[in-house]
Amino acid sequence: MSADKFSQFYCLTETGWALIEEGNTPDGWVRIYELKIYQGSPFGRESRTWQQPRMHPDWTEAAADELEKKFPRPERSFELSAETMKTLRITSH
């Protein structure tokens, strides 16, 4: 059983990156990627795999590559959100 396994969809647009909510592709999209994240155990290293399921038909590969050089792929934040921190109970020994 894995400790963590999920996917997030990111969209490269003409103005940068956007996290895609299910079925909500933003206007001006160029490429849509699926980021698959897997962690085998709570203490193991996380595996991240980017898959490009779709590219807008009006863009060439070269033009999309140039845009991606301008806006590198987002990195997942390892900081916990304020909401997550509220739900954690920290006990001292």
PDB file of N, CA and C in Angstrom:
ATOM      1  N   MET A   1       0.844  -1.180   0.000  1.00  0.00           N
ATOM      2  CA  MET A   1       0.000   0.000   0.000  1.00  0.00           C
ATOM      3  C   MET A   1       0.891   1.245   0.000  1.00  0.00           C
ATOM      4  N   SER A   2       0.585   2.166  -0.878  1.00  0.00           N
ATOM      5  CA  SER A   2       1.406   3.378  -0.970  1.00  0.00           C
ATOM      6  C   SER A   2       0.976   4.400   0.076  1.00  0.00           C
ATOM      7  N   ALA A   3       1.915   5.259   0.431  1.00  0.00           N
ATOM      8  CA  ALA A   3       1.623   6.326   1.385  1.00  0.00           C
ATOM      9  C   ALA A   3       0.903   7.474   0.694  1.00  0.00           C
ATOM     10  N   ASP A   4       1.215   7.671  -0.583  1.00  0.00           N
ATOM     11  CA  ASP A   4       0.662   8.802  -1.308  1.00  0.00           C
ATOM     12  C   ASP A   4       0.670   8.477  -2.796  1.00  0.00           C
ATOM     13  N   LYS A   5      -0.475   8.627  -3.453  1.00  0.00           N
ATOM     14  CA  LYS A   5      -0.568   8.393  -4.887  1.00  0.00           C
ATOM     15  C   LYS A   5      -1.720   9.228  -5.426  1.00  0.00           C
ATOM     16  N   PHE A   6      -1.383  10.207  -6.263  1.00  0.00           N
ATOM     17  CA  PHE A   6      -2.429  11.031  -6.856  1.00  0.00           C
ATOM     18  C   PHE A   6      -1.906  11.734  -8.092  1.00  0.00           C
ATOM     19  N   SER A   7      -2.809  12.358  -8.820  1.00  0.00           N
ATOM     20  CA  SER A   7      -2.464  13.122 -10.016  1.00  0.00           C
ATOM     21  C   SER A   7      -3.006  14.532  -9.904  1.00  0.00           C
ATOM     22  N   GLN A   8      -2.273  15.461 -10.503  1.00  0.00           N
ATOM     23  CA  GLN A   8      -2.735  16.839 -10.633  1.00  0.00           C
ATOM     24  C   GLN A   8      -2.576  17.209 -12.097  1.00  0.00           C
ATOM     25  N   PHE A   9      -3.483  18.028 -12.604  1.00  0.00           N
ATOM     26  CA  PHE A   9      -3.396  18.475 -13.983  1.00  0.00           C
ATOM     27  C   PHE A   9      -3.013  19.947 -14.005  1.00  0.00           C
ATOM     28  N   TYR A  10      -1.988  20.247 -14.800  1.00  0.00           N
ATOM     29  CA  TYR A  10      -1.503  21.610 -14.966  1.00  0.00           C
ATOM     30  C   TYR A  10      -1.651  22.021 -16.417  1.00  0.00           C
ATOM     31  N   CYS A  11      -1.912  23.291 -16.614  1.00  0.00           N
ATOM     32  CA  CYS A  11      -2.090  23.827 -17.944  1.00  0.00           C
ATOM     33  C   CYS A  11      -1.093  24.954 -18.172  1.00  0.00           C
ATOM     34  N   LEU A  12      -0.315  24.839 -19.239  1.00  0.00           N
ATOM     35  CA  LEU A  12       0.557  25.925 -19.656  1.00  0.00           C
ATOM     36  C   LEU A  12      -0.280  26.846 -20.533  1.00  0.00           C
ATOM     37  N   THR A  13      -0.352  28.111 -20.146  1.00  0.00           N
ATOM     38  CA  THR A  13      -1.098  29.099 -20.922  1.00  0.00           C
ATOM     39  C   THR A  13      -0.124  30.151 -21.443  1.00  0.00           C
ATOM     40  N   GLU A  14      -0.639  31.070 -22.202  1.00  0.00           N
ATOM     41  CA  GLU A  14       0.195  32.137 -22.758  1.00  0.00           C
ATOM     42  C   GLU A  14       0.742  33.058 -21.669  1.00  0.00           C
ATOM     43  N   THR A  15       0.172  33.003 -20.474  1.00  0.00           N
ATOM     44  CA  THR A  15       0.605  33.872 -19.375  1.00  0.00           C
ATOM     45  C   THR A  15       1.243  33.119 -18.208  1.00  0.00           C
ATOM     46  N   GLY A  16       1.418  31.800 -18.322  1.00  0.00           N
ATOM     47  CA  GLY A  16       2.024  31.031 -17.244  1.00  0.00           C
ATOM     48  C   GLY A  16       1.283  29.725 -17.008  1.00  0.00           C
ATOM     49  N   TRP A  17       1.394  29.207 -15.789  1.00  0.00           N
ATOM     50  CA  TRP A  17       0.816  27.913 -15.435  1.00  0.00           C
ATOM     51  C   TRP A  17      -0.441  28.074 -14.601  1.00  0.00           C
ATOM     52  N   ALA A  18      -1.362  27.129 -14.764  1.00  0.00           N
ATOM     53  CA  ALA A  18      -2.582  27.096 -13.958  1.00  0.00           C
ATOM     54  C   ALA A  18      -2.849  25.656 -13.556  1.00  0.00           C
ATOM     55  N   LEU A  19      -3.274  25.470 -12.326  1.00  0.00           N
ATOM     56  CA  LEU A  19      -3.715  24.163 -11.854  1.00  0.00           C
ATOM     57  C   LEU A  19      -5.139  23.986 -12.350  1.00  0.00           C
ATOM     58  N   ILE A  20      -5.419  22.862 -12.980  1.00  0.00           N
ATOM     59  CA  ILE A  20      -6.733  22.649 -13.589  1.00  0.00           C
ATOM     60  C   ILE A  20      -7.657  21.919 -12.633  1.00  0.00           C
ATOM     61  N   GLU A  21      -8.793  22.508 -12.397  1.00  0.00           N
ATOM     62  CA  GLU A  21      -9.867  21.809 -11.698  1.00  0.00           C
ATOM     63  C   GLU A  21     -10.522  20.895 -12.729  1.00  0.00           C
ATOM     64  N   GLU A  22     -11.109  19.820 -12.306  1.00  0.00           N
ATOM     65  CA  GLU A  22     -11.676  18.838 -13.235  1.00  0.00           C
ATOM     66  C   GLU A  22     -12.642  19.492 -14.227  1.00  0.00           C
ATOM     67  N   GLY A  23     -12.360  19.315 -15.509  1.00  0.00           N
ATOM     68  CA  GLY A  23     -13.230  19.819 -16.559  1.00  0.00           C
ATOM     69  C   GLY A  23     -13.189  21.324 -16.756  1.00  0.00           C
ATOM     70  N   ASN A  24     -12.185  22.013 -16.217  1.00  0.00           N
ATOM     71  CA  ASN A  24     -12.139  23.472 -16.283  1.00  0.00           C
ATOM     72  C   ASN A  24     -10.825  23.934 -16.916  1.00  0.00           C
ATOM     73  N   THR A  25     -10.697  23.781 -18.232  1.00  0.00           N
ATOM     74  CA  THR A  25      -9.490  24.200 -18.931  1.00  0.00           C
ATOM     75  C   THR A  25      -9.564  25.707 -19.195  1.00  0.00           C
ATOM     76  N   PRO A  26      -8.530  26.459 -18.785  1.00  0.00           N
ATOM     77  CA  PRO A  26      -8.580  27.908 -18.964  1.00  0.00           C
ATOM     78  C   PRO A  26      -8.428  28.331 -20.430  1.00  0.00           C
ATOM     79  N   ASP A  27      -8.934  29.521 -20.745  1.00  0.00           N
ATOM     80  CA  ASP A  27      -8.752  30.079 -22.078  1.00  0.00           C
ATOM     81  C   ASP A  27      -7.267  30.304 -22.324  1.00  0.00           C
ATOM     82  N   GLY A  28      -6.852  30.215 -23.566  1.00  0.00           N
ATOM     83  CA  GLY A  28      -5.465  30.464 -23.910  1.00  0.00           C
ATOM     84  C   GLY A  28      -4.530  29.325 -23.565  1.00  0.00           C
ATOM     85  N   TRP A  29      -5.063  28.123 -23.374  1.00  0.00           N
ATOM     86  CA  TRP A  29      -4.205  27.004 -23.005  1.00  0.00           C
ATOM     87  C   TRP A  29      -3.347  26.575 -24.188  1.00  0.00           C
ATOM     88  N   VAL A  30      -2.152  26.082 -23.868  1.00  0.00           N
ATOM     89  CA  VAL A  30      -1.210  25.643 -24.888  1.00  0.00           C
ATOM     90  C   VAL A  30      -0.919  24.153 -24.720  1.00  0.00           C
ATOM     91  N   ARG A  31      -0.544  23.752 -23.514  1.00  0.00           N
ATOM     92  CA  ARG A  31      -0.296  22.345 -23.202  1.00  0.00           C
ATOM     93  C   ARG A  31      -0.977  21.994 -21.892  1.00  0.00           C
ATOM     94  N   ILE A  32      -1.429  20.756 -21.814  1.00  0.00           N
ATOM     95  CA  ILE A  32      -2.001  20.243 -20.569  1.00  0.00           C
ATOM     96  C   ILE A  32      -1.165  19.040 -20.155  1.00  0.00           C
ATOM     97  N   TYR A  33      -0.684  19.081 -18.930  1.00  0.00           N
ATOM     98  CA  TYR A  33       0.136  18.007 -18.386  1.00  0.00           C
ATOM     99  C   TYR A  33      -0.570  17.351 -17.209  1.00  0.00           C
ATOM    100  N   GLU A  34      -0.306  16.063 -17.051  1.00  0.00           N
ATOM    101  CA  GLU A  34      -0.715  15.350 -15.846  1.00  0.00           C
ATOM    102  C   GLU A  34       0.546  15.084 -15.040  1.00  0.00           C
ATOM    103  N   LEU A  35       0.548  15.519 -13.797  1.00  0.00           N
ATOM    104  CA  LEU A  35       1.652  15.246 -12.887  1.00  0.00           C
ATOM    105  C   LEU A  35       1.220  14.106 -11.978  1.00  0.00           C
ATOM    106  N   LYS A  36       1.876  12.953 -12.135  1.00  0.00           N
ATOM    107  CA  LYS A  36       1.580  11.788 -11.295  1.00  0.00           C
ATOM    108  C   LYS A  36       2.592  11.767 -10.164  1.00  0.00           C
ATOM    109  N   ILE A  37       2.081  11.690  -8.946  1.00  0.00           N
ATOM    110  CA  ILE A  37       2.920  11.719  -7.753  1.00  0.00           C
ATOM    111  C   ILE A  37       2.694  10.418  -6.975  1.00  0.00           C
ATOM    112  N   TYR A  38       3.793   9.761  -6.645  1.00  0.00           N
ATOM    113  CA  TYR A  38       3.715   8.493  -5.926  1.00  0.00           C
ATOM    114  C   TYR A  38       4.787   8.462  -4.850  1.00  0.00           C
ATOM    115  N   GLN A  39       4.380   8.029  -3.667  1.00  0.00           N
ATOM    116  CA  GLN A  39       5.313   7.831  -2.563  1.00  0.00           C
ATOM    117  C   GLN A  39       4.986   6.484  -1.943  1.00  0.00           C
ATOM    118  N   GLY A  40       5.940   5.568  -2.010  1.00  0.00           N
ATOM    119  CA  GLY A  40       5.707   4.198  -1.559  1.00  0.00           C
ATOM    120  C   GLY A  40       5.520   4.049  -0.061  1.00  0.00           C
ATOM    121  N   SER A  41       6.197   4.883   0.721  1.00  0.00           N
ATOM    122  CA  SER A  41       6.063   4.818   2.173  1.00  0.00           C
ATOM    123  C   SER A  41       6.191   6.230   2.730  1.00  0.00           C
ATOM    124  N   PRO A  42       5.725   6.441   3.962  1.00  0.00           N
ATOM    125  CA  PRO A  42       5.811   7.788   4.542  1.00  0.00           C
ATOM    126  C   PRO A  42       7.245   8.312   4.629  1.00  0.00           C
ATOM    127  N   PHE A  43       8.217   7.420   4.657  1.00  0.00           N
ATOM    128  CA  PHE A  43       9.612   7.835   4.790  1.00  0.00           C
ATOM    129  C   PHE A  43      10.374   7.771   3.466  1.00  0.00           C
ATOM    130  N   GLY A  44       9.715   7.269   2.426  1.00  0.00           N
ATOM    131  CA  GLY A  44      10.358   7.135   1.124  1.00  0.00           C
ATOM    132  C   GLY A  44      10.329   8.427   0.331  1.00  0.00           C
ATOM    133  N   ARG A  45      11.157   8.479  -0.678  1.00  0.00           N
ATOM    134  CA  ARG A  45      11.233   9.638  -1.556  1.00  0.00           C
ATOM    135  C   ARG A  45      10.046   9.642  -2.514  1.00  0.00           C
ATOM    136  N   GLU A  46       9.573  10.800  -2.830  1.00  0.00           N
ATOM    137  CA  GLU A  46       8.440  10.968  -3.729  1.00  0.00           C
ATOM    138  C   GLU A  46       8.888  10.834  -5.181  1.00  0.00           C
ATOM    139  N   SER A  47       8.096  10.152  -5.992  1.00  0.00           N
ATOM    140  CA  SER A  47       8.356  10.023  -7.419  1.00  0.00           C
ATOM    141  C   SER A  47       7.372  10.920  -8.166  1.00  0.00           C
ATOM    142  N   ARG A  48       7.878  11.744  -9.076  1.00  0.00           N
ATOM    143  CA  ARG A  48       7.034  12.668  -9.833  1.00  0.00           C
ATOM    144  C   ARG A  48       7.240  12.426 -11.320  1.00  0.00           C
ATOM    145  N   THR A  49       6.162  12.169 -12.043  1.00  0.00           N
ATOM    146  CA  THR A  49       6.228  11.905 -13.469  1.00  0.00           C
ATOM    147  C   THR A  49       5.281  12.847 -14.203  1.00  0.00           C
ATOM    148  N   TRP A  50       5.838  13.630 -15.130  1.00  0.00           N
ATOM    149  CA  TRP A  50       5.027  14.538 -15.949  1.00  0.00           C
ATOM    150  C   TRP A  50       4.638  13.824 -17.235  1.00  0.00           C
ATOM    151  N   GLN A  51       3.349  13.850 -17.547  1.00  0.00           N
ATOM    152  CA  GLN A  51       2.864  13.294 -18.807  1.00  0.00           C
ATOM    153  C   GLN A  51       2.092  14.377 -19.550  1.00  0.00           C
ATOM    154  N   GLN A  52       2.333  14.475 -20.832  1.00  0.00           N
ATOM    155  CA  GLN A  52       1.671  15.496 -21.640  1.00  0.00           C
ATOM    156  C   GLN A  52       0.530  14.843 -22.420  1.00  0.00           C
ATOM    157  N   PRO A  53      -0.666  14.892 -21.887  1.00  0.00           N
ATOM    158  CA  PRO A  53      -1.756  14.233 -22.592  1.00  0.00           C
ATOM    159  C   PRO A  53      -2.303  15.024 -23.789  1.00  0.00           C
ATOM    160  N   ARG A  54      -2.082  16.370 -23.808  1.00  0.00           N
ATOM    161  CA  ARG A  54      -2.747  17.143 -24.856  1.00  0.00           C
ATOM    162  C   ARG A  54      -2.019  18.448 -25.148  1.00  0.00           C
ATOM    163  N   MET A  55      -1.974  18.830 -26.442  1.00  0.00           N
ATOM    164  CA  MET A  55      -1.447  20.127 -26.852  1.00  0.00           C
ATOM    165  C   MET A  55      -2.469  20.791 -27.762  1.00  0.00           C
ATOM    166  N   HIS A  56      -2.609  22.095 -27.633  1.00  0.00           N
ATOM    167  CA  HIS A  56      -3.568  22.839 -28.448  1.00  0.00           C
ATOM    168  C   HIS A  56      -3.185  22.719 -29.921  1.00  0.00           C
ATOM    169  N   PRO A  57      -4.151  22.438 -30.802  1.00  0.00           N
ATOM    170  CA  PRO A  57      -3.833  22.220 -32.218  1.00  0.00           C
ATOM    171  C   PRO A  57      -3.314  23.467 -32.953  1.00  0.00           C
ATOM    172  N   ASP A  58      -3.545  24.657 -32.423  1.00  0.00           N
ATOM    173  CA  ASP A  58      -3.086  25.880 -33.079  1.00  0.00           C
ATOM    174  C   ASP A  58      -1.625  26.211 -32.772  1.00  0.00           C
ATOM    175  N   TRP A  59      -0.999  25.444 -31.891  1.00  0.00           N
ATOM    176  CA  TRP A  59       0.392  25.707 -31.498  1.00  0.00           C
ATOM    177  C   TRP A  59       1.311  24.665 -32.109  1.00  0.00           C
ATOM    178  N   THR A  60       2.502  25.094 -32.506  1.00  0.00           N
ATOM    179  CA  THR A  60       3.522  24.149 -32.965  1.00  0.00           C
ATOM    180  C   THR A  60       4.328  23.705 -31.750  1.00  0.00           C
ATOM    181  N   GLU A  61       5.006  22.573 -31.880  1.00  0.00           N
ATOM    182  CA  GLU A  61       5.856  22.080 -30.793  1.00  0.00           C
ATOM    183  C   GLU A  61       6.937  23.103 -30.456  1.00  0.00           C
ATOM    184  N   ALA A  62       7.536  23.703 -31.487  1.00  0.00           N
ATOM    185  CA  ALA A  62       8.620  24.672 -31.266  1.00  0.00           C
ATOM    186  C   ALA A  62       8.120  25.896 -30.498  1.00  0.00           C
ATOM    187  N   ALA A  63       6.963  26.407 -30.868  1.00  0.00           N
ATOM    188  CA  ALA A  63       6.419  27.586 -30.181  1.00  0.00           C
ATOM    189  C   ALA A  63       6.044  27.256 -28.742  1.00  0.00           C
ATOM    190  N   ALA A  64       5.475  26.084 -28.516  1.00  0.00           N
ATOM    191  CA  ALA A  64       5.111  25.664 -27.162  1.00  0.00           C
ATOM    192  C   ALA A  64       6.361  25.434 -26.314  1.00  0.00           C
ATOM    193  N   ASP A  65       7.411  24.879 -26.919  1.00  0.00           N
ATOM    194  CA  ASP A  65       8.676  24.679 -26.198  1.00  0.00           C
ATOM    195  C   ASP A  65       9.268  26.019 -25.758  1.00  0.00           C
ATOM    196  N   GLU A  66       9.213  27.024 -26.626  1.00  0.00           N
ATOM    197  CA  GLU A  66       9.725  28.356 -26.283  1.00  0.00           C
ATOM    198  C   GLU A  66       8.939  28.961 -25.126  1.00  0.00           C
ATOM    199  N   LEU A  67       7.627  28.784 -25.156  1.00  0.00           N
ATOM    200  CA  LEU A  67       6.786  29.293 -24.069  1.00  0.00           C
ATOM    201  C   LEU A  67       7.129  28.590 -22.757  1.00  0.00           C
ATOM    202  N   GLU A  68       7.396  27.293 -22.838  1.00  0.00           N
ATOM    203  CA  GLU A  68       7.729  26.543 -21.626  1.00  0.00           C
ATOM    204  C   GLU A  68       9.109  26.941 -21.087  1.00  0.00           C
ATOM    205  N   LYS A  69      10.007  27.384 -21.949  1.00  0.00           N
ATOM    206  CA  LYS A  69      11.291  27.908 -21.472  1.00  0.00           C
ATOM    207  C   LYS A  69      11.072  29.197 -20.685  1.00  0.00           C
ATOM    208  N   LYS A  70      10.116  29.986 -21.143  1.00  0.00           N
ATOM    209  CA  LYS A  70       9.794  31.243 -20.466  1.00  0.00           C
ATOM    210  C   LYS A  70       9.129  30.980 -19.115  1.00  0.00           C
ATOM    211  N   PHE A  71       8.286  29.962 -19.061  1.00  0.00           N
ATOM    212  CA  PHE A  71       7.562  29.596 -17.844  1.00  0.00           C
ATOM    213  C   PHE A  71       7.872  28.133 -17.500  1.00  0.00           C
ATOM    214  N   PRO A  72       8.936  27.864 -16.732  1.00  0.00           N
ATOM    215  CA  PRO A  72       9.273  26.474 -16.376  1.00  0.00           C
ATOM    216  C   PRO A  72       8.137  25.799 -15.599  1.00  0.00           C
ATOM    217  N   ARG A  73       8.115  24.494 -15.658  1.00  0.00           N
ATOM    218  CA  ARG A  73       7.067  23.722 -14.966  1.00  0.00           C
ATOM    219  C   ARG A  73       7.069  24.038 -13.481  1.00  0.00           C
ATOM    220  N   PRO A  74       5.878  24.111 -12.898  1.00  0.00           N
ATOM    221  CA  PRO A  74       5.792  24.405 -11.459  1.00  0.00           C
ATOM    222  C   PRO A  74       6.310  23.248 -10.622  1.00  0.00           C
ATOM    223  N   GLU A  75       6.865  23.593  -9.491  1.00  0.00           N
ATOM    224  CA  GLU A  75       7.314  22.597  -8.527  1.00  0.00           C
ATOM    225  C   GLU A  75       6.262  22.507  -7.432  1.00  0.00           C
ATOM    226  N   ARG A  76       6.046  21.308  -6.958  1.00  0.00           N
ATOM    227  CA  ARG A  76       5.093  21.112  -5.871  1.00  0.00           C
ATOM    228  C   ARG A  76       5.684  21.679  -4.593  1.00  0.00           C
ATOM    229  N   SER A  77       4.886  22.425  -3.870  1.00  0.00           N
ATOM    230  CA  SER A  77       5.344  23.010  -2.615  1.00  0.00           C
ATOM    231  C   SER A  77       5.356  21.943  -1.528  1.00  0.00           C
ATOM    232  N   PHE A  78       6.419  21.933  -0.739  1.00  0.00           N
ATOM    233  CA  PHE A  78       6.499  20.996   0.369  1.00  0.00           C
ATOM    234  C   PHE A  78       6.057  21.640   1.673  1.00  0.00           C
ATOM    235  N   GLU A  79       5.668  22.904   1.601  1.00  0.00           N
ATOM    236  CA  GLU A  79       5.174  23.575   2.788  1.00  0.00           C
ATOM    237  C   GLU A  79       3.701  23.231   2.971  1.00  0.00           C
ATOM    238  N   LEU A  80       3.311  23.029   4.204  1.00  0.00           N
ATOM    239  CA  LEU A  80       1.920  22.720   4.494  1.00  0.00           C
ATOM    240  C   LEU A  80       1.108  24.005   4.528  1.00  0.00           C
ATOM    241  N   SER A  81      -0.111  23.921   4.008  1.00  0.00           N
ATOM    242  CA  SER A  81      -0.981  25.085   4.021  1.00  0.00           C
ATOM    243  C   SER A  81      -1.426  25.387   5.458  1.00  0.00           C
ATOM    244  N   ALA A  82      -1.890  26.602   5.672  1.00  0.00           N
ATOM    245  CA  ALA A  82      -2.378  26.996   6.992  1.00  0.00           C
ATOM    246  C   ALA A  82      -3.534  26.093   7.416  1.00  0.00           C
ATOM    247  N   GLU A  83      -4.391  25.731   6.469  1.00  0.00           N
ATOM    248  CA  GLU A  83      -5.530  24.862   6.775  1.00  0.00           C
ATOM    249  C   GLU A  83      -5.063  23.485   7.235  1.00  0.00           C
ATOM    250  N   THR A  84      -4.043  22.943   6.566  1.00  0.00           N
ATOM    251  CA  THR A  84      -3.509  21.641   6.966  1.00  0.00           C
ATOM    252  C   THR A  84      -2.870  21.724   8.342  1.00  0.00           C
ATOM    253  N   MET A  85      -2.134  22.795   8.590  1.00  0.00           N
ATOM    254  CA  MET A  85      -1.485  22.953   9.890  1.00  0.00           C
ATOM    255  C   MET A  85      -2.510  22.991  11.023  1.00  0.00           C
ATOM    256  N   LYS A  86      -3.663  23.580  10.773  1.00  0.00           N
ATOM    257  CA  LYS A  86      -4.705  23.645  11.798  1.00  0.00           C
ATOM    258  C   LYS A  86      -5.215  22.260  12.166  1.00  0.00           C
ATOM    259  N   THR A  87      -5.202  21.349  11.194  1.00  0.00           N
ATOM    260  CA  THR A  87      -5.748  20.008  11.444  1.00  0.00           C
ATOM    261  C   THR A  87      -4.751  19.085  12.119  1.00  0.00           C
ATOM    262  N   LEU A  88      -3.474  19.438  12.069  1.00  0.00           N
ATOM    263  CA  LEU A  88      -2.454  18.605  12.710  1.00  0.00           C
ATOM    264  C   LEU A  88      -2.407  18.864  14.212  1.00  0.00           C
ATOM    265  N   ARG A  89      -2.203  17.824  14.947  1.00  0.00           N
ATOM    266  CA  ARG A  89      -2.017  17.965  16.389  1.00  0.00           C
ATOM    267  C   ARG A  89      -0.581  17.633  16.682  1.00  0.00           C
ATOM    268  N   ILE A  90       0.125  18.596  17.181  1.00  0.00           N
ATOM    269  CA  ILE A  90       1.534  18.396  17.504  1.00  0.00           C
ATOM    270  C   ILE A  90       1.632  18.150  18.992  1.00  0.00           C
ATOM    271  N   THR A  91       2.224  17.027  19.345  1.00  0.00           N
ATOM    272  CA  THR A  91       2.383  16.709  20.774  1.00  0.00           C
ATOM    273  C   THR A  91       3.859  16.682  21.089  1.00  0.00           C
ATOM    274  N   SER A  92       4.215  17.168  22.225  1.00  0.00           N
ATOM    275  CA  SER A  92       5.623  17.105  22.642  1.00  0.00           C
ATOM    276  C   SER A  92       5.784  15.982  23.641  1.00  0.00           C
ATOM    277  N   HIS A  93       6.969  15.416  23.640  1.00  0.00           N
ATOM    278  CA  HIS A  93       7.253  14.265  24.523  1.00  0.00           C
ATOM    279  C   HIS A  93       8.022  14.704  25.721  1.00  0.00           C
TER     280      HIS A  93
END
